[in-house]
Amino acid sequence: MGKYRAPFLNNDVIHIVENNKEPEQKLWIAVLAKAFDDAFYCTDDNAAIDALRWIKHGQDFNYVCGLAGRNPYYVRSKMLDKVIEREAAILGKKIQVKRAVTNVIKLKKRGPVPGTQKRVYDYKWLPKQTHDYVDR
C-alpha cells in the first residue's frame, strides 16, 4: 500500500471556482460554447459564417462574455486566428463552388430558326460518349 498524500490546495481550486458559478452564468458559458461549436464544427456553411462573424464583430459578443464571466477581449484575441482561418476556408470553398456553377455547360445558341422564334442549340462542341463510357 502506498502512502496517503493529501492533495495540494491548487488541485481543488478549479472545482471550487466552478462550483460557485450561478446557473445564469453557466447558461451564458453554454451559449458561448455553442457559438464556438457552430463556428468550427457545423456542417452548414451559412450557420458557421454567421457564428464566425458574430464572434469577430458581434455587438452582443462582449455582453455575452461579460454575462459568462469571461473577458471578451481575451477570448477574441485567443480565437481570432482560428476564426479567420475557418472563415477563409469556408469562403474559399464557396468561391470554388460559384466558379464551378458558372462553368457549367452552357449551350451555344445559334440564332432563331428562320421562320420561327425558337432557338436551336448547338451540341457539336460537347464530348461524344460511347457505349463503353463509364462515369466514376
N, C-alpha and C. Protein backbone atom coordinates (compact mmCIF):
# COMPACT_ATOMS: atom_id res chain seq x y z
N MET A 1 0.83 -1.18 0.00
CA MET A 1 0.00 0.00 0.00
C MET A 1 0.87 1.24 0.00
N GLY A 2 0.47 2.19 -0.79
CA GLY A 2 1.20 3.45 -0.84
C GLY A 2 0.75 4.38 0.26
N LYS A 3 1.57 5.35 0.49
CA LYS A 3 1.22 6.35 1.50
C LYS A 3 0.10 7.24 0.99
N TYR A 4 -0.75 7.67 1.89
CA TYR A 4 -1.77 8.64 1.53
C TYR A 4 -1.12 10.01 1.51
N ARG A 5 -1.31 10.71 0.42
CA ARG A 5 -0.76 12.06 0.31
C ARG A 5 -1.92 13.03 0.13
N ALA A 6 -1.99 13.98 0.98
CA ALA A 6 -3.05 14.98 0.88
C ALA A 6 -2.87 15.79 -0.41
N PRO A 7 -3.96 16.06 -1.14
CA PRO A 7 -3.83 16.83 -2.38
C PRO A 7 -3.40 18.27 -2.08
N PHE A 8 -2.70 18.81 -3.04
CA PHE A 8 -2.29 20.21 -2.90
C PHE A 8 -3.53 21.09 -2.97
N LEU A 9 -3.41 22.27 -2.42
CA LEU A 9 -4.52 23.20 -2.41
C LEU A 9 -4.91 23.59 -3.84
N ASN A 10 -3.93 23.73 -4.73
CA ASN A 10 -4.22 24.17 -6.10
C ASN A 10 -5.04 23.14 -6.88
N ASN A 11 -5.00 21.88 -6.49
CA ASN A 11 -5.77 20.86 -7.20
C ASN A 11 -7.27 21.09 -7.08
N ASP A 12 -7.70 21.66 -5.99
CA ASP A 12 -9.13 21.85 -5.76
C ASP A 12 -9.63 23.23 -6.13
N VAL A 13 -8.74 24.12 -6.53
CA VAL A 13 -9.15 25.50 -6.83
C VAL A 13 -10.13 25.52 -7.99
N ILE A 14 -9.86 24.76 -9.03
CA ILE A 14 -10.72 24.76 -10.20
C ILE A 14 -12.12 24.29 -9.82
N HIS A 15 -12.20 23.23 -9.04
CA HIS A 15 -13.51 22.71 -8.64
C HIS A 15 -14.26 23.71 -7.76
N ILE A 16 -13.54 24.39 -6.90
CA ILE A 16 -14.18 25.38 -6.02
C ILE A 16 -14.72 26.54 -6.84
N VAL A 17 -13.94 27.02 -7.82
CA VAL A 17 -14.37 28.14 -8.64
C VAL A 17 -15.54 27.74 -9.51
N GLU A 18 -15.51 26.56 -10.11
CA GLU A 18 -16.60 26.13 -10.98
C GLU A 18 -17.89 25.87 -10.20
N ASN A 19 -17.79 25.43 -8.98
CA ASN A 19 -18.98 25.15 -8.19
C ASN A 19 -19.66 26.42 -7.70
N ASN A 20 -18.94 27.53 -7.67
CA ASN A 20 -19.51 28.78 -7.17
C ASN A 20 -20.19 29.60 -8.25
N LYS A 21 -20.34 29.08 -9.43
CA LYS A 21 -20.98 29.82 -10.50
C LYS A 21 -22.50 29.77 -10.34
N GLU A 22 -23.12 30.87 -10.72
CA GLU A 22 -24.58 30.94 -10.73
C GLU A 22 -25.10 30.16 -11.94
N PRO A 23 -26.33 29.67 -11.87
CA PRO A 23 -26.89 28.97 -13.03
C PRO A 23 -26.95 29.84 -14.29
N GLU A 24 -27.24 31.13 -14.11
CA GLU A 24 -27.28 32.04 -15.26
C GLU A 24 -25.92 32.15 -15.93
N GLN A 25 -24.87 32.17 -15.10
CA GLN A 25 -23.51 32.26 -15.65
C GLN A 25 -23.17 30.98 -16.41
N LYS A 26 -23.57 29.84 -15.90
CA LYS A 26 -23.35 28.58 -16.60
C LYS A 26 -24.11 28.56 -17.93
N LEU A 27 -25.30 29.16 -17.94
CA LEU A 27 -26.08 29.25 -19.17
C LEU A 27 -25.34 30.06 -20.23
N TRP A 28 -24.78 31.21 -19.85
CA TRP A 28 -24.08 32.06 -20.82
C TRP A 28 -22.77 31.43 -21.28
N ILE A 29 -22.15 30.65 -20.41
CA ILE A 29 -20.96 29.89 -20.83
C ILE A 29 -21.36 28.87 -21.89
N ALA A 30 -22.52 28.24 -21.69
CA ALA A 30 -23.02 27.28 -22.67
C ALA A 30 -23.35 27.97 -24.00
N VAL A 31 -23.86 29.21 -23.94
CA VAL A 31 -24.14 29.97 -25.16
C VAL A 31 -22.85 30.22 -25.92
N LEU A 32 -21.81 30.63 -25.22
CA LEU A 32 -20.51 30.84 -25.87
C LEU A 32 -19.97 29.53 -26.46
N ALA A 33 -20.10 28.46 -25.70
CA ALA A 33 -19.62 27.16 -26.20
C ALA A 33 -20.38 26.74 -27.45
N LYS A 34 -21.68 26.97 -27.50
CA LYS A 34 -22.48 26.64 -28.68
C LYS A 34 -22.08 27.50 -29.87
N ALA A 35 -21.78 28.77 -29.64
CA ALA A 35 -21.35 29.65 -30.73
C ALA A 35 -20.02 29.15 -31.32
N PHE A 36 -19.08 28.77 -30.46
CA PHE A 36 -17.81 28.26 -30.96
C PHE A 36 -17.99 26.89 -31.63
N ASP A 37 -18.90 26.09 -31.12
CA ASP A 37 -19.18 24.80 -31.74
C ASP A 37 -19.77 25.00 -33.14
N ASP A 38 -20.71 25.93 -33.26
CA ASP A 38 -21.28 26.23 -34.58
C ASP A 38 -20.22 26.78 -35.52
N ALA A 39 -19.35 27.63 -35.00
CA ALA A 39 -18.34 28.27 -35.85
C ALA A 39 -17.33 27.27 -36.39
N PHE A 40 -16.94 26.30 -35.61
CA PHE A 40 -15.84 25.42 -36.01
C PHE A 40 -16.26 24.03 -36.45
N TYR A 41 -17.41 23.55 -36.03
CA TYR A 41 -17.77 22.17 -36.31
C TYR A 41 -19.08 22.00 -37.06
N CYS A 42 -19.77 23.07 -37.37
CA CYS A 42 -21.05 22.99 -38.05
C CYS A 42 -20.83 22.68 -39.53
N THR A 43 -21.63 21.77 -40.07
CA THR A 43 -21.51 21.43 -41.49
C THR A 43 -22.27 22.41 -42.37
N ASP A 44 -23.20 23.14 -41.79
CA ASP A 44 -23.94 24.16 -42.54
C ASP A 44 -23.06 25.41 -42.62
N ASP A 45 -22.59 25.71 -43.83
CA ASP A 45 -21.65 26.82 -44.00
C ASP A 45 -22.25 28.16 -43.63
N ASN A 46 -23.53 28.37 -43.92
CA ASN A 46 -24.15 29.66 -43.59
C ASN A 46 -24.23 29.87 -42.08
N ALA A 47 -24.57 28.82 -41.34
CA ALA A 47 -24.62 28.93 -39.88
C ALA A 47 -23.22 29.15 -39.32
N ALA A 48 -22.22 28.49 -39.91
CA ALA A 48 -20.84 28.68 -39.45
C ALA A 48 -20.36 30.10 -39.71
N ILE A 49 -20.68 30.63 -40.89
CA ILE A 49 -20.28 32.01 -41.21
C ILE A 49 -20.96 32.99 -40.26
N ASP A 50 -22.24 32.77 -39.97
CA ASP A 50 -22.94 33.66 -39.02
C ASP A 50 -22.28 33.63 -37.65
N ALA A 51 -21.93 32.44 -37.18
CA ALA A 51 -21.29 32.32 -35.87
C ALA A 51 -19.91 32.96 -35.88
N LEU A 52 -19.15 32.76 -36.95
CA LEU A 52 -17.81 33.35 -37.04
C LEU A 52 -17.88 34.87 -37.06
N ARG A 53 -18.83 35.41 -37.80
CA ARG A 53 -18.97 36.87 -37.85
C ARG A 53 -19.46 37.43 -36.53
N TRP A 54 -20.29 36.67 -35.82
CA TRP A 54 -20.74 37.12 -34.50
C TRP A 54 -19.56 37.18 -33.53
N ILE A 55 -18.69 36.19 -33.62
CA ILE A 55 -17.51 36.18 -32.74
C ILE A 55 -16.59 37.34 -33.09
N LYS A 56 -16.39 37.60 -34.38
CA LYS A 56 -15.47 38.67 -34.80
C LYS A 56 -16.03 40.06 -34.58
N HIS A 57 -17.29 40.28 -34.96
CA HIS A 57 -17.82 41.64 -34.99
C HIS A 57 -19.14 41.81 -34.26
N GLY A 58 -19.61 40.79 -33.58
CA GLY A 58 -20.94 40.85 -32.98
C GLY A 58 -21.04 41.89 -31.88
N GLN A 59 -22.14 42.63 -31.90
CA GLN A 59 -22.34 43.64 -30.87
C GLN A 59 -22.62 43.00 -29.51
N ASP A 60 -23.27 41.85 -29.53
CA ASP A 60 -23.63 41.19 -28.28
C ASP A 60 -22.54 40.28 -27.73
N PHE A 61 -21.47 40.04 -28.50
CA PHE A 61 -20.42 39.13 -28.05
C PHE A 61 -19.80 39.61 -26.74
N ASN A 62 -19.48 40.90 -26.66
CA ASN A 62 -18.90 41.45 -25.43
C ASN A 62 -19.86 41.30 -24.26
N TYR A 63 -21.14 41.53 -24.51
CA TYR A 63 -22.15 41.43 -23.47
C TYR A 63 -22.29 40.00 -22.97
N VAL A 64 -22.34 39.05 -23.90
CA VAL A 64 -22.48 37.64 -23.54
C VAL A 64 -21.24 37.16 -22.78
N CYS A 65 -20.06 37.59 -23.22
CA CYS A 65 -18.84 37.23 -22.49
C CYS A 65 -18.87 37.78 -21.07
N GLY A 66 -19.35 39.00 -20.93
CA GLY A 66 -19.47 39.59 -19.59
C GLY A 66 -20.43 38.80 -18.71
N LEU A 67 -21.56 38.39 -19.27
CA LEU A 67 -22.52 37.59 -18.50
C LEU A 67 -21.96 36.22 -18.16
N ALA A 68 -21.06 35.71 -19.01
CA ALA A 68 -20.45 34.41 -18.76
C ALA A 68 -19.26 34.51 -17.81
N GLY A 69 -18.87 35.73 -17.46
CA GLY A 69 -17.74 35.90 -16.56
C GLY A 69 -16.40 35.79 -17.26
N ARG A 70 -16.39 36.05 -18.56
CA ARG A 70 -15.16 35.97 -19.35
C ARG A 70 -14.80 37.34 -19.89
N ASN A 71 -13.52 37.58 -20.09
CA ASN A 71 -13.06 38.82 -20.68
C ASN A 71 -13.21 38.72 -22.20
N PRO A 72 -14.07 39.53 -22.83
CA PRO A 72 -14.31 39.38 -24.26
C PRO A 72 -13.08 39.65 -25.11
N TYR A 73 -12.22 40.56 -24.69
CA TYR A 73 -11.03 40.87 -25.47
C TYR A 73 -10.03 39.72 -25.42
N TYR A 74 -9.95 39.07 -24.29
CA TYR A 74 -9.06 37.91 -24.16
C TYR A 74 -9.57 36.75 -25.01
N VAL A 75 -10.86 36.47 -24.93
CA VAL A 75 -11.46 35.37 -25.69
C VAL A 75 -11.28 35.61 -27.18
N ARG A 76 -11.59 36.84 -27.62
CA ARG A 76 -11.48 37.16 -29.04
C ARG A 76 -10.03 37.07 -29.52
N SER A 77 -9.08 37.58 -28.70
CA SER A 77 -7.68 37.55 -29.12
C SER A 77 -7.15 36.12 -29.22
N LYS A 78 -7.60 35.23 -28.32
CA LYS A 78 -7.15 33.84 -28.37
C LYS A 78 -7.73 33.08 -29.56
N MET A 79 -8.94 33.43 -29.97
CA MET A 79 -9.61 32.68 -31.01
C MET A 79 -9.56 33.34 -32.38
N LEU A 80 -9.06 34.57 -32.48
CA LEU A 80 -9.15 35.32 -33.73
C LEU A 80 -8.45 34.64 -34.89
N ASP A 81 -7.26 34.10 -34.68
CA ASP A 81 -6.54 33.44 -35.77
C ASP A 81 -7.31 32.23 -36.30
N LYS A 82 -7.87 31.45 -35.39
CA LYS A 82 -8.63 30.27 -35.81
C LYS A 82 -9.94 30.68 -36.50
N VAL A 83 -10.55 31.74 -36.03
CA VAL A 83 -11.79 32.23 -36.64
C VAL A 83 -11.52 32.69 -38.07
N ILE A 84 -10.45 33.45 -38.27
CA ILE A 84 -10.11 33.95 -39.61
C ILE A 84 -9.77 32.79 -40.54
N GLU A 85 -9.05 31.83 -40.04
CA GLU A 85 -8.67 30.66 -40.85
C GLU A 85 -9.89 29.87 -41.28
N ARG A 86 -10.82 29.64 -40.36
CA ARG A 86 -12.05 28.89 -40.68
C ARG A 86 -12.92 29.66 -41.67
N GLU A 87 -13.04 30.97 -41.47
CA GLU A 87 -13.85 31.78 -42.36
C GLU A 87 -13.25 31.79 -43.77
N ALA A 88 -11.94 31.88 -43.87
CA ALA A 88 -11.28 31.86 -45.18
C ALA A 88 -11.51 30.51 -45.87
N ALA A 89 -11.47 29.43 -45.12
CA ALA A 89 -11.69 28.11 -45.72
C ALA A 89 -13.10 27.98 -46.26
N ILE A 90 -14.08 28.46 -45.50
CA ILE A 90 -15.47 28.36 -45.94
C ILE A 90 -15.71 29.24 -47.16
N LEU A 91 -15.22 30.48 -47.10
CA LEU A 91 -15.43 31.39 -48.22
C LEU A 91 -14.68 30.92 -49.47
N GLY A 92 -13.50 30.34 -49.29
CA GLY A 92 -12.76 29.79 -50.42
C GLY A 92 -13.53 28.66 -51.09
N LYS A 93 -14.16 27.81 -50.27
CA LYS A 93 -14.96 26.72 -50.81
C LYS A 93 -16.18 27.27 -51.56
N LYS A 94 -16.79 28.33 -51.01
CA LYS A 94 -17.94 28.93 -51.69
C LYS A 94 -17.54 29.53 -53.02
N ILE A 95 -16.37 30.14 -53.09
CA ILE A 95 -15.90 30.73 -54.34
C ILE A 95 -15.66 29.64 -55.37
N GLN A 96 -15.08 28.51 -54.95
CA GLN A 96 -14.87 27.40 -55.87
C GLN A 96 -16.19 26.87 -56.41
N VAL A 97 -17.18 26.76 -55.54
CA VAL A 97 -18.49 26.27 -55.98
C VAL A 97 -19.11 27.26 -56.95
N LYS A 98 -18.98 28.56 -56.64
CA LYS A 98 -19.55 29.57 -57.53
C LYS A 98 -18.90 29.54 -58.91
N ARG A 99 -17.58 29.37 -58.95
CA ARG A 99 -16.89 29.26 -60.23
C ARG A 99 -17.34 28.02 -60.99
N ALA A 100 -17.53 26.94 -60.27
CA ALA A 100 -17.96 25.70 -60.92
C ALA A 100 -19.35 25.86 -61.52
N VAL A 101 -20.21 26.57 -60.81
CA VAL A 101 -21.57 26.76 -61.32
C VAL A 101 -21.54 27.61 -62.58
N THR A 102 -20.70 28.64 -62.59
CA THR A 102 -20.64 29.48 -63.78
C THR A 102 -19.96 28.77 -64.94
N ASN A 103 -19.18 27.74 -64.65
CA ASN A 103 -18.51 26.99 -65.70
C ASN A 103 -19.30 25.77 -66.16
N VAL A 104 -20.51 25.64 -65.66
CA VAL A 104 -21.35 24.52 -66.07
C VAL A 104 -21.59 24.65 -67.57
N ILE A 105 -21.86 23.53 -68.17
CA ILE A 105 -22.03 23.52 -69.62
C ILE A 105 -23.07 24.55 -70.04
N LYS A 106 -22.62 25.49 -70.85
CA LYS A 106 -23.53 26.49 -71.40
C LYS A 106 -23.71 26.15 -72.87
N LEU A 107 -24.92 25.94 -73.22
CA LEU A 107 -25.20 25.57 -74.60
C LEU A 107 -25.07 26.80 -75.49
N LYS A 108 -24.36 26.63 -76.58
CA LYS A 108 -24.18 27.73 -77.51
C LYS A 108 -25.45 27.91 -78.33
N LYS A 109 -25.91 29.10 -78.34
CA LYS A 109 -27.14 29.38 -79.07
C LYS A 109 -26.79 29.96 -80.43
N ARG A 110 -27.34 29.33 -81.44
CA ARG A 110 -27.29 29.96 -82.76
C ARG A 110 -28.46 30.92 -82.80
N GLY A 111 -28.77 31.53 -83.77
CA GLY A 111 -29.92 32.43 -83.82
C GLY A 111 -31.21 31.65 -83.93
N PRO A 112 -32.32 32.34 -84.03
CA PRO A 112 -33.59 31.64 -84.21
C PRO A 112 -33.64 30.96 -85.58
N VAL A 113 -34.36 29.86 -85.64
CA VAL A 113 -34.54 29.14 -86.89
C VAL A 113 -35.37 30.04 -87.80
N PRO A 114 -34.96 30.15 -89.06
CA PRO A 114 -35.72 31.03 -89.96
C PRO A 114 -37.19 30.66 -90.00
N GLY A 115 -38.03 31.65 -89.86
CA GLY A 115 -39.48 31.46 -89.91
C GLY A 115 -40.09 31.15 -88.56
N THR A 116 -39.27 30.94 -87.50
CA THR A 116 -39.82 30.67 -86.16
C THR A 116 -39.08 31.51 -85.14
N GLN A 117 -39.57 31.51 -83.96
CA GLN A 117 -38.91 32.22 -82.87
C GLN A 117 -38.10 31.28 -81.98
N LYS A 118 -38.07 29.99 -82.30
CA LYS A 118 -37.35 29.01 -81.48
C LYS A 118 -35.85 29.12 -81.69
N ARG A 119 -35.13 28.93 -80.64
CA ARG A 119 -33.67 28.92 -80.73
C ARG A 119 -33.21 27.47 -80.87
N VAL A 120 -32.16 27.28 -81.62
CA VAL A 120 -31.60 25.94 -81.81
C VAL A 120 -30.29 25.89 -81.03
N TYR A 121 -30.10 24.83 -80.31
CA TYR A 121 -28.90 24.68 -79.51
C TYR A 121 -27.89 23.81 -80.25
N ASP A 122 -26.65 24.21 -80.22
CA ASP A 122 -25.59 23.51 -80.92
C ASP A 122 -24.87 22.61 -79.94
N TYR A 123 -25.00 21.30 -80.12
CA TYR A 123 -24.38 20.34 -79.22
C TYR A 123 -23.08 19.77 -79.77
N LYS A 124 -22.60 20.27 -80.89
CA LYS A 124 -21.42 19.69 -81.53
C LYS A 124 -20.17 19.81 -80.66
N TRP A 125 -20.09 20.81 -79.83
CA TRP A 125 -18.90 21.03 -79.04
C TRP A 125 -18.83 20.14 -77.80
N LEU A 126 -19.95 19.45 -77.47
CA LEU A 126 -19.93 18.55 -76.32
C LEU A 126 -19.12 17.30 -76.63
N PRO A 127 -18.44 16.71 -75.63
CA PRO A 127 -17.68 15.49 -75.88
C PRO A 127 -18.62 14.33 -76.21
N LYS A 128 -18.19 13.51 -77.11
CA LYS A 128 -19.00 12.36 -77.52
C LYS A 128 -18.83 11.24 -76.50
N GLN A 129 -19.93 10.60 -76.14
CA GLN A 129 -19.87 9.49 -75.21
C GLN A 129 -20.29 8.23 -75.94
N THR A 130 -19.47 7.22 -75.83
CA THR A 130 -19.77 5.96 -76.48
C THR A 130 -20.41 5.00 -75.48
N HIS A 131 -20.80 3.84 -75.95
CA HIS A 131 -21.46 2.87 -75.08
C HIS A 131 -20.52 2.31 -74.01
N ASP A 132 -19.20 2.42 -74.22
CA ASP A 132 -18.26 1.90 -73.23
C ASP A 132 -17.83 2.97 -72.22
N TYR A 133 -18.43 4.14 -72.29
CA TYR A 133 -18.10 5.22 -71.36
C TYR A 133 -18.67 4.90 -69.99
N VAL A 134 -17.84 5.02 -68.97
CA VAL A 134 -18.26 4.79 -67.59
C VAL A 134 -17.89 6.01 -66.78
N ASP A 135 -18.86 6.58 -66.11
CA ASP A 135 -18.61 7.74 -65.26
C ASP A 135 -18.35 7.26 -63.84
N ARG A 136 -17.18 7.55 -63.35
CA ARG A 136 -16.83 7.09 -61.99
C ARG A 136 -16.66 8.26 -61.09
